[in-house]
Amino acid sequence: RVKRKDPKIDYRMSEELGRGKFGIVYKCTEKKTGKHLAA
């Protein structure tokens, strides 16, 4: 479900993975679980 809050509250952003017409993608880590994902 789409949440109305800043994703950086729950996820720690790190290096940029790519960018294009859609915007920018970063590697990130969920603070609660340590799971590595893409933002």
ModelCIF file with pLDDT and N, C-alpha, C, O atoms, coordinates in Angstrom:
data_MODEL
#
_entry.id   MODEL 
#
_entity.id                         1 
_entity.type                       polymer 
_entity.pdbx_number_of_molecules   1 
#
_entity_poly.entity_id                      1 
_entity_poly.type                           'polypeptide(L)' 
_entity_poly.nstd_linkage                   no 
_entity_poly.nstd_monomer                   no 
_entity_poly.pdbx_seq_one_letter_code       RVKRKDPKIDYRMSEELGRGKFGIVYKCTEKKTGKHLAA 
_entity_poly.pdbx_seq_one_letter_code_can   RVKRKDPKIDYRMSEELGRGKFGIVYKCTEKKTGKHLAA 
_entity_poly.pdbx_strand_id                 A 
#
loop_
_entity_poly_seq.entity_id 
_entity_poly_seq.num 
_entity_poly_seq.mon_id 
_entity_poly_seq.hetero 
1 1  ARG n 
1 2  VAL n 
1 3  LYS n 
1 4  ARG n 
1 5  LYS n 
1 6  ASP n 
1 7  PRO n 
1 8  LYS n 
1 9  ILE n 
1 10 ASP n 
1 11 TYR n 
1 12 ARG n 
1 13 MET n 
1 14 SER n 
1 15 GLU n 
1 16 GLU n 
1 17 LEU n 
1 18 GLY n 
1 19 ARG n 
1 20 GLY n 
1 21 LYS n 
1 22 PHE n 
1 23 GLY n 
1 24 ILE n 
1 25 VAL n 
1 26 TYR n 
1 27 LYS n 
1 28 CYS n 
1 29 THR n 
1 30 GLU n 
1 31 LYS n 
1 32 LYS n 
1 33 THR n 
1 34 GLY n 
1 35 LYS n 
1 36 HIS n 
1 37 LEU n 
1 38 ALA n 
1 39 ALA n 
#
_struct_asym.id          A 
_struct_asym.entity_id   1 
#
loop_
_ma_qa_metric.id 
_ma_qa_metric.mode 
_ma_qa_metric.name 
_ma_qa_metric.software_group_id 
_ma_qa_metric.type 
1 global pLDDT . pLDDT 
2 local  pLDDT . pLDDT 
#
_ma_qa_metric_global.metric_id      1 
_ma_qa_metric_global.metric_value   92.74 
_ma_qa_metric_global.model_id       1 
_ma_qa_metric_global.ordinal_id     1 
#
loop_
_ma_qa_metric_local.label_asym_id 
_ma_qa_metric_local.label_comp_id 
_ma_qa_metric_local.label_seq_id 
_ma_qa_metric_local.metric_id 
_ma_qa_metric_local.metric_value 
_ma_qa_metric_local.model_id 
_ma_qa_metric_local.ordinal_id 
A ARG 1  2 91.00 1 1  
A VAL 2  2 93.00 1 2  
A LYS 3  2 94.00 1 3  
A ARG 4  2 94.00 1 4  
A LYS 5  2 93.00 1 5  
A ASP 6  2 95.00 1 6  
A PRO 7  2 96.00 1 7  
A LYS 8  2 96.00 1 8  
A ILE 9  2 96.00 1 9  
A ASP 10 2 97.00 1 10 
A TYR 11 2 98.00 1 11 
A ARG 12 2 98.00 1 12 
A MET 13 2 97.00 1 13 
A SER 14 2 97.00 1 14 
A GLU 15 2 95.00 1 15 
A GLU 16 2 95.00 1 16 
A LEU 17 2 91.00 1 17 
A GLY 18 2 86.00 1 18 
A ARG 19 2 81.00 1 19 
A GLY 20 2 72.00 1 20 
A LYS 21 2 70.00 1 21 
A PHE 22 2 72.00 1 22 
A GLY 23 2 83.00 1 23 
A ILE 24 2 92.00 1 24 
A VAL 25 2 94.00 1 25 
A TYR 26 2 96.00 1 26 
A LYS 27 2 97.00 1 27 
A CYS 28 2 98.00 1 28 
A THR 29 2 98.00 1 29 
A GLU 30 2 97.00 1 30 
A LYS 31 2 97.00 1 31 
A LYS 32 2 96.00 1 32 
A THR 33 2 95.00 1 33 
A GLY 34 2 96.00 1 34 
A LYS 35 2 95.00 1 35 
A HIS 36 2 96.00 1 36 
A LEU 37 2 97.00 1 37 
A ALA 38 2 96.00 1 38 
A ALA 39 2 97.00 1 39 
#
loop_
_atom_site.group_PDB 
_atom_site.id 
_atom_site.type_symbol 
_atom_site.label_atom_id 
_atom_site.label_alt_id 
_atom_site.label_comp_id 
_atom_site.label_asym_id 
_atom_site.label_entity_id 
_atom_site.label_seq_id 
_atom_site.pdbx_PDB_ins_code 
_atom_site.Cartn_x 
_atom_site.Cartn_y 
_atom_site.Cartn_z 
_atom_site.occupancy 
_atom_site.B_iso_or_equiv 
_atom_site.pdbx_formal_charge 
_atom_site.auth_seq_id 
_atom_site.auth_comp_id 
_atom_site.auth_asym_id 
_atom_site.auth_atom_id 
_atom_site.pdbx_PDB_model_num 
ATOM 1   N N  . ARG A 1 1  ? 0.858  -1.186 0.000   1.00 91.00 ? 1  ARG A N  1 
ATOM 2   C CA . ARG A 1 1  ? 0.000  0.000  0.000   1.00 91.00 ? 1  ARG A CA 1 
ATOM 3   C C  . ARG A 1 1  ? 0.896  1.238  0.000   1.00 91.00 ? 1  ARG A C  1 
ATOM 4   O O  . ARG A 1 1  ? 1.902  1.282  0.708   1.00 91.00 ? 1  ARG A O  1 
ATOM 5   N N  . VAL A 1 2  ? 0.534  2.215  -0.777  1.00 93.00 ? 2  VAL A N  1 
ATOM 6   C CA . VAL A 1 2  ? 1.334  3.436  -0.874  1.00 93.00 ? 2  VAL A CA 1 
ATOM 7   C C  . VAL A 1 2  ? 1.260  4.210  0.437   1.00 93.00 ? 2  VAL A C  1 
ATOM 8   O O  . VAL A 1 2  ? 0.175  4.499  0.941   1.00 93.00 ? 2  VAL A O  1 
ATOM 9   N N  . LYS A 1 3  ? 2.433  4.544  0.985   1.00 94.00 ? 3  LYS A N  1 
ATOM 10  C CA . LYS A 1 3  ? 2.505  5.237  2.272   1.00 94.00 ? 3  LYS A CA 1 
ATOM 11  C C  . LYS A 1 3  ? 2.790  6.717  2.063   1.00 94.00 ? 3  LYS A C  1 
ATOM 12  O O  . LYS A 1 3  ? 3.585  7.079  1.196   1.00 94.00 ? 3  LYS A O  1 
ATOM 13  N N  . ARG A 1 4  ? 2.160  7.561  2.836   1.00 94.00 ? 4  ARG A N  1 
ATOM 14  C CA . ARG A 1 4  ? 2.375  9.008  2.755   1.00 94.00 ? 4  ARG A CA 1 
ATOM 15  C C  . ARG A 1 4  ? 3.419  9.420  3.790   1.00 94.00 ? 4  ARG A C  1 
ATOM 16  O O  . ARG A 1 4  ? 3.097  10.026 4.813   1.00 94.00 ? 4  ARG A O  1 
ATOM 17  N N  . LYS A 1 5  ? 4.668  9.081  3.504   1.00 93.00 ? 5  LYS A N  1 
ATOM 18  C CA . LYS A 1 5  ? 5.761  9.510  4.373   1.00 93.00 ? 5  LYS A CA 1 
ATOM 19  C C  . LYS A 1 5  ? 7.072  9.414  3.618   1.00 93.00 ? 5  LYS A C  1 
ATOM 20  O O  . LYS A 1 5  ? 7.117  8.887  2.506   1.00 93.00 ? 5  LYS A O  1 
ATOM 21  N N  . ASP A 1 6  ? 8.120  9.912  4.207   1.00 95.00 ? 6  ASP A N  1 
ATOM 22  C CA . ASP A 1 6  ? 9.446  9.904  3.595   1.00 95.00 ? 6  ASP A CA 1 
ATOM 23  C C  . ASP A 1 6  ? 10.028 8.491  3.661   1.00 95.00 ? 6  ASP A C  1 
ATOM 24  O O  . ASP A 1 6  ? 10.149 7.938  4.755   1.00 95.00 ? 6  ASP A O  1 
ATOM 25  N N  . PRO A 1 7  ? 10.395 7.885  2.515   1.00 96.00 ? 7  PRO A N  1 
ATOM 26  C CA . PRO A 1 7  ? 10.956 6.524  2.535   1.00 96.00 ? 7  PRO A CA 1 
ATOM 27  C C  . PRO A 1 7  ? 12.262 6.433  3.328   1.00 96.00 ? 7  PRO A C  1 
ATOM 28  O O  . PRO A 1 7  ? 12.636 5.350  3.779   1.00 96.00 ? 7  PRO A O  1 
ATOM 29  N N  . LYS A 1 8  ? 12.956 7.560  3.501   1.00 96.00 ? 8  LYS A N  1 
ATOM 30  C CA . LYS A 1 8  ? 14.224 7.544  4.216   1.00 96.00 ? 8  LYS A CA 1 
ATOM 31  C C  . LYS A 1 8  ? 14.043 7.307  5.712   1.00 96.00 ? 8  LYS A C  1 
ATOM 32  O O  . LYS A 1 8  ? 15.014 7.096  6.439   1.00 96.00 ? 8  LYS A O  1 
ATOM 33  N N  . ILE A 1 9  ? 12.797 7.344  6.162   1.00 96.00 ? 9  ILE A N  1 
ATOM 34  C CA . ILE A 1 9  ? 12.521 7.005  7.562   1.00 96.00 ? 9  ILE A CA 1 
ATOM 35  C C  . ILE A 1 9  ? 12.732 5.504  7.773   1.00 96.00 ? 9  ILE A C  1 
ATOM 36  O O  . ILE A 1 9  ? 13.240 5.079  8.810   1.00 96.00 ? 9  ILE A O  1 
ATOM 37  N N  . ASP A 1 10 ? 12.337 4.709  6.777   1.00 97.00 ? 10 ASP A N  1 
ATOM 38  C CA . ASP A 1 10 ? 12.423 3.246  6.882   1.00 97.00 ? 10 ASP A CA 1 
ATOM 39  C C  . ASP A 1 10 ? 13.620 2.647  6.141   1.00 97.00 ? 10 ASP A C  1 
ATOM 40  O O  . ASP A 1 10 ? 14.025 1.519  6.422   1.00 97.00 ? 10 ASP A O  1 
ATOM 41  N N  . TYR A 1 11 ? 14.188 3.405  5.192   1.00 98.00 ? 11 TYR A N  1 
ATOM 42  C CA . TYR A 1 11 ? 15.251 2.858  4.356   1.00 98.00 ? 11 TYR A CA 1 
ATOM 43  C C  . TYR A 1 11 ? 16.459 3.790  4.333   1.00 98.00 ? 11 TYR A C  1 
ATOM 44  O O  . TYR A 1 11 ? 16.321 5.013  4.294   1.00 98.00 ? 11 TYR A O  1 
ATOM 45  N N  . ARG A 1 12 ? 17.634 3.190  4.357   1.00 98.00 ? 12 ARG A N  1 
ATOM 46  C CA . ARG A 1 12 ? 18.875 3.947  4.285   1.00 98.00 ? 12 ARG A CA 1 
ATOM 47  C C  . ARG A 1 12 ? 19.389 3.888  2.845   1.00 98.00 ? 12 ARG A C  1 
ATOM 48  O O  . ARG A 1 12 ? 19.682 2.810  2.329   1.00 98.00 ? 12 ARG A O  1 
ATOM 49  N N  . MET A 1 13 ? 19.495 5.051  2.202   1.00 97.00 ? 13 MET A N  1 
ATOM 50  C CA . MET A 1 13 ? 19.910 5.110  0.800   1.00 97.00 ? 13 MET A CA 1 
ATOM 51  C C  . MET A 1 13 ? 21.438 5.057  0.686   1.00 97.00 ? 13 MET A C  1 
ATOM 52  O O  . MET A 1 13 ? 22.155 5.586  1.535   1.00 97.00 ? 13 MET A O  1 
ATOM 53  N N  . SER A 1 14 ? 21.918 4.407  -0.380  1.00 97.00 ? 14 SER A N  1 
ATOM 54  C CA . SER A 1 14 ? 23.368 4.362  -0.615  1.00 97.00 ? 14 SER A CA 1 
ATOM 55  C C  . SER A 1 14 ? 23.658 4.738  -2.064  1.00 97.00 ? 14 SER A C  1 
ATOM 56  O O  . SER A 1 14 ? 23.133 5.745  -2.540  1.00 97.00 ? 14 SER A O  1 
ATOM 57  N N  . GLU A 1 15 ? 24.476 3.965  -2.788  1.00 95.00 ? 15 GLU A N  1 
ATOM 58  C CA . GLU A 1 15 ? 24.952 4.412  -4.081  1.00 95.00 ? 15 GLU A CA 1 
ATOM 59  C C  . GLU A 1 15 ? 23.861 4.440  -5.152  1.00 95.00 ? 15 GLU A C  1 
ATOM 60  O O  . GLU A 1 15 ? 22.883 3.696  -5.101  1.00 95.00 ? 15 GLU A O  1 
ATOM 61  N N  . GLU A 1 16 ? 24.071 5.323  -6.116  1.00 95.00 ? 16 GLU A N  1 
ATOM 62  C CA . GLU A 1 16 ? 23.150 5.420  -7.250  1.00 95.00 ? 16 GLU A CA 1 
ATOM 63  C C  . GLU A 1 16 ? 23.392 4.239  -8.181  1.00 95.00 ? 16 GLU A C  1 
ATOM 64  O O  . GLU A 1 16 ? 24.537 3.893  -8.473  1.00 95.00 ? 16 GLU A O  1 
ATOM 65  N N  . LEU A 1 17 ? 22.297 3.620  -8.649  1.00 91.00 ? 17 LEU A N  1 
ATOM 66  C CA . LEU A 1 17 ? 22.402 2.472  -9.546  1.00 91.00 ? 17 LEU A CA 1 
ATOM 67  C C  . LEU A 1 17 ? 22.129 2.839  -11.004 1.00 91.00 ? 17 LEU A C  1 
ATOM 68  O O  . LEU A 1 17 ? 22.586 2.155  -11.920 1.00 91.00 ? 17 LEU A O  1 
ATOM 69  N N  . GLY A 1 18 ? 21.385 3.918  -11.209 1.00 86.00 ? 18 GLY A N  1 
ATOM 70  C CA . GLY A 1 18 ? 21.065 4.313  -12.576 1.00 86.00 ? 18 GLY A CA 1 
ATOM 71  C C  . GLY A 1 18 ? 20.081 5.455  -12.608 1.00 86.00 ? 18 GLY A C  1 
ATOM 72  O O  . GLY A 1 18 ? 19.441 5.778  -11.608 1.00 86.00 ? 18 GLY A O  1 
ATOM 73  N N  . ARG A 1 19 ? 19.970 6.067  -13.783 1.00 81.00 ? 19 ARG A N  1 
ATOM 74  C CA . ARG A 1 19 ? 18.995 7.140  -13.961 1.00 81.00 ? 19 ARG A CA 1 
ATOM 75  C C  . ARG A 1 19 ? 18.551 7.177  -15.409 1.00 81.00 ? 19 ARG A C  1 
ATOM 76  O O  . ARG A 1 19 ? 19.248 6.700  -16.306 1.00 81.00 ? 19 ARG A O  1 
ATOM 77  N N  . GLY A 1 20 ? 17.384 7.750  -15.619 1.00 72.00 ? 20 GLY A N  1 
ATOM 78  C CA . GLY A 1 20 ? 16.833 7.835  -16.972 1.00 72.00 ? 20 GLY A CA 1 
ATOM 79  C C  . GLY A 1 20 ? 15.623 8.735  -16.978 1.00 72.00 ? 20 GLY A C  1 
ATOM 80  O O  . GLY A 1 20 ? 15.471 9.605  -16.120 1.00 72.00 ? 20 GLY A O  1 
ATOM 81  N N  . LYS A 1 21 ? 14.754 8.514  -17.965 1.00 70.00 ? 21 LYS A N  1 
ATOM 82  C CA . LYS A 1 21 ? 13.586 9.372  -18.109 1.00 70.00 ? 21 LYS A CA 1 
ATOM 83  C C  . LYS A 1 21 ? 12.634 9.258  -16.928 1.00 70.00 ? 21 LYS A C  1 
ATOM 84  O O  . LYS A 1 21 ? 11.849 10.172 -16.677 1.00 70.00 ? 21 LYS A O  1 
ATOM 85  N N  . PHE A 1 22 ? 12.694 8.134  -16.190 1.00 72.00 ? 22 PHE A N  1 
ATOM 86  C CA . PHE A 1 22 ? 11.795 7.914  -15.061 1.00 72.00 ? 22 PHE A CA 1 
ATOM 87  C C  . PHE A 1 22 ? 12.256 8.619  -13.792 1.00 72.00 ? 22 PHE A C  1 
ATOM 88  O O  . PHE A 1 22 ? 11.430 8.956  -12.943 1.00 72.00 ? 22 PHE A O  1 
ATOM 89  N N  . GLY A 1 23 ? 13.556 8.848  -13.646 1.00 83.00 ? 23 GLY A N  1 
ATOM 90  C CA . GLY A 1 23 ? 14.080 9.395  -12.399 1.00 83.00 ? 23 GLY A CA 1 
ATOM 91  C C  . GLY A 1 23 ? 15.401 8.739  -12.053 1.00 83.00 ? 23 GLY A C  1 
ATOM 92  O O  . GLY A 1 23 ? 16.229 8.480  -12.927 1.00 83.00 ? 23 GLY A O  1 
ATOM 93  N N  . ILE A 1 24 ? 15.593 8.468  -10.755 1.00 92.00 ? 24 ILE A N  1 
ATOM 94  C CA . ILE A 1 24 ? 16.876 7.922  -10.289 1.00 92.00 ? 24 ILE A CA 1 
ATOM 95  C C  . ILE A 1 24 ? 16.638 6.689  -9.405  1.00 92.00 ? 24 ILE A C  1 
ATOM 96  O O  . ILE A 1 24 ? 15.689 6.650  -8.622  1.00 92.00 ? 24 ILE A O  1 
ATOM 97  N N  . VAL A 1 25 ? 17.512 5.685  -9.541  1.00 94.00 ? 25 VAL A N  1 
ATOM 98  C CA . VAL A 1 25 ? 17.428 4.474  -8.726  1.00 94.00 ? 25 VAL A CA 1 
ATOM 99  C C  . VAL A 1 25 ? 18.662 4.387  -7.825  1.00 94.00 ? 25 VAL A C  1 
ATOM 100 O O  . VAL A 1 25 ? 19.793 4.540  -8.285  1.00 94.00 ? 25 VAL A O  1 
ATOM 101 N N  . TYR A 1 26 ? 18.425 4.140  -6.535  1.00 96.00 ? 26 TYR A N  1 
ATOM 102 C CA . TYR A 1 26 ? 19.504 3.979  -5.557  1.00 96.00 ? 26 TYR A CA 1 
ATOM 103 C C  . TYR A 1 26 ? 19.431 2.597  -4.929  1.00 96.00 ? 26 TYR A C  1 
ATOM 104 O O  . TYR A 1 26 ? 18.361 1.997  -4.826  1.00 96.00 ? 26 TYR A O  1 
ATOM 105 N N  . LYS A 1 27 ? 20.576 2.112  -4.518  1.00 97.00 ? 27 LYS A N  1 
ATOM 106 C CA . LYS A 1 27 ? 20.579 0.922  -3.674  1.00 97.00 ? 27 LYS A CA 1 
ATOM 107 C C  . LYS A 1 27 ? 20.183 1.378  -2.278  1.00 97.00 ? 27 LYS A C  1 
ATOM 108 O O  . LYS A 1 27 ? 20.575 2.461  -1.845  1.00 97.00 ? 27 LYS A O  1 
ATOM 109 N N  . CYS A 1 28 ? 19.413 0.568  -1.577  1.00 98.00 ? 28 CYS A N  1 
ATOM 110 C CA . CYS A 1 28 ? 18.990 0.964  -0.235  1.00 98.00 ? 28 CYS A CA 1 
ATOM 111 C C  . CYS A 1 28 ? 18.923 -0.249 0.682   1.00 98.00 ? 28 CYS A C  1 
ATOM 112 O O  . CYS A 1 28 ? 18.953 -1.392 0.226   1.00 98.00 ? 28 CYS A O  1 
ATOM 113 N N  . THR A 1 29 ? 18.833 0.015  1.972   1.00 98.00 ? 29 THR A N  1 
ATOM 114 C CA . THR A 1 29 ? 18.755 -1.047 2.987   1.00 98.00 ? 29 THR A CA 1 
ATOM 115 C C  . THR A 1 29 ? 17.591 -0.754 3.913   1.00 98.00 ? 29 THR A C  1 
ATOM 116 O O  . THR A 1 29 ? 17.469 0.350  4.444   1.00 98.00 ? 29 THR A O  1 
ATOM 117 N N  . GLU A 1 30 ? 16.739 -1.747 4.103   1.00 97.00 ? 30 GLU A N  1 
ATOM 118 C CA . GLU A 1 30 ? 15.635 -1.580 5.044   1.00 97.00 ? 30 GLU A CA 1 
ATOM 119 C C  . GLU A 1 30 ? 16.214 -1.585 6.455   1.00 97.00 ? 30 GLU A C  1 
ATOM 120 O O  . GLU A 1 30 ? 16.868 -2.550 6.851   1.00 97.00 ? 30 GLU A O  1 
ATOM 121 N N  . LYS A 1 31 ? 15.983 -0.528 7.208   1.00 97.00 ? 31 LYS A N  1 
ATOM 122 C CA . LYS A 1 31 ? 16.587 -0.378 8.530   1.00 97.00 ? 31 LYS A CA 1 
ATOM 123 C C  . LYS A 1 31 ? 16.148 -1.487 9.486   1.00 97.00 ? 31 LYS A C  1 
ATOM 124 O O  . LYS A 1 31 ? 16.942 -1.958 10.301  1.00 97.00 ? 31 LYS A O  1 
ATOM 125 N N  . LYS A 1 32 ? 14.902 -1.897 9.386   1.00 96.00 ? 32 LYS A N  1 
ATOM 126 C CA . LYS A 1 32 ? 14.365 -2.881 10.333  1.00 96.00 ? 32 LYS A CA 1 
ATOM 127 C C  . LYS A 1 32 ? 14.918 -4.285 10.111  1.00 96.00 ? 32 LYS A C  1 
ATOM 128 O O  . LYS A 1 32 ? 15.162 -5.012 11.075  1.00 96.00 ? 32 LYS A O  1 
ATOM 129 N N  . THR A 1 33 ? 15.120 -4.677 8.847   1.00 95.00 ? 33 THR A N  1 
ATOM 130 C CA . THR A 1 33 ? 15.517 -6.055 8.543   1.00 95.00 ? 33 THR A CA 1 
ATOM 131 C C  . THR A 1 33 ? 16.945 -6.183 7.995   1.00 95.00 ? 33 THR A C  1 
ATOM 132 O O  . THR A 1 33 ? 17.519 -7.272 8.018   1.00 95.00 ? 33 THR A O  1 
ATOM 133 N N  . GLY A 1 34 ? 17.523 -5.074 7.501   1.00 96.00 ? 34 GLY A N  1 
ATOM 134 C CA . GLY A 1 34 ? 18.839 -5.145 6.882   1.00 96.00 ? 34 GLY A CA 1 
ATOM 135 C C  . GLY A 1 34 ? 18.795 -5.662 5.458   1.00 96.00 ? 34 GLY A C  1 
ATOM 136 O O  . GLY A 1 34 ? 19.839 -5.913 4.856   1.00 96.00 ? 34 GLY A O  1 
ATOM 137 N N  . LYS A 1 35 ? 17.589 -5.826 4.909   1.00 95.00 ? 35 LYS A N  1 
ATOM 138 C CA . LYS A 1 35 ? 17.434 -6.345 3.549   1.00 95.00 ? 35 LYS A CA 1 
ATOM 139 C C  . LYS A 1 35 ? 17.870 -5.298 2.522   1.00 95.00 ? 35 LYS A C  1 
ATOM 140 O O  . LYS A 1 35 ? 17.499 -4.129 2.617   1.00 95.00 ? 35 LYS A O  1 
ATOM 141 N N  . HIS A 1 36 ? 18.657 -5.732 1.549   1.00 96.00 ? 36 HIS A N  1 
ATOM 142 C CA . HIS A 1 36 ? 19.123 -4.842 0.482   1.00 96.00 ? 36 HIS A CA 1 
ATOM 143 C C  . HIS A 1 36 ? 18.101 -4.808 -0.650  1.00 96.00 ? 36 HIS A C  1 
ATOM 144 O O  . HIS A 1 36 ? 17.666 -5.852 -1.136  1.00 96.00 ? 36 HIS A O  1 
ATOM 145 N N  . LEU A 1 37 ? 17.726 -3.606 -1.062  1.00 97.00 ? 37 LEU A N  1 
ATOM 146 C CA . LEU A 1 37 ? 16.705 -3.423 -2.081  1.00 97.00 ? 37 LEU A CA 1 
ATOM 147 C C  . LEU A 1 37 ? 17.103 -2.265 -2.997  1.00 97.00 ? 37 LEU A C  1 
ATOM 148 O O  . LEU A 1 37 ? 18.199 -1.718 -2.877  1.00 97.00 ? 37 LEU A O  1 
ATOM 149 N N  . ALA A 1 38 ? 16.211 -1.902 -3.905  1.00 96.00 ? 38 ALA A N  1 
ATOM 150 C CA . ALA A 1 38 ? 16.447 -0.769 -4.800  1.00 96.00 ? 38 ALA A CA 1 
ATOM 151 C C  . ALA A 1 38 ? 15.323 0.241  -4.627  1.00 96.00 ? 38 ALA A C  1 
ATOM 152 O O  . ALA A 1 38 ? 14.154 -0.134 -4.544  1.00 96.00 ? 38 ALA A O  1 
ATOM 153 N N  . ALA A 1 39 ? 15.675 1.521  -4.571  1.00 97.00 ? 39 ALA A N  1 
ATOM 154 C CA . ALA A 1 39 ? 14.691 2.596  -4.412  1.00 97.00 ? 39 ALA A CA 1 
ATOM 155 C C  . ALA A 1 39 ? 14.626 3.405  -5.705  1.00 97.00 ? 39 ALA A C  1 
ATOM 156 O O  . ALA A 1 39 ? 13.859 4.364  -5.795  1.00 97.00 ? 39 ALA A O  1 
#
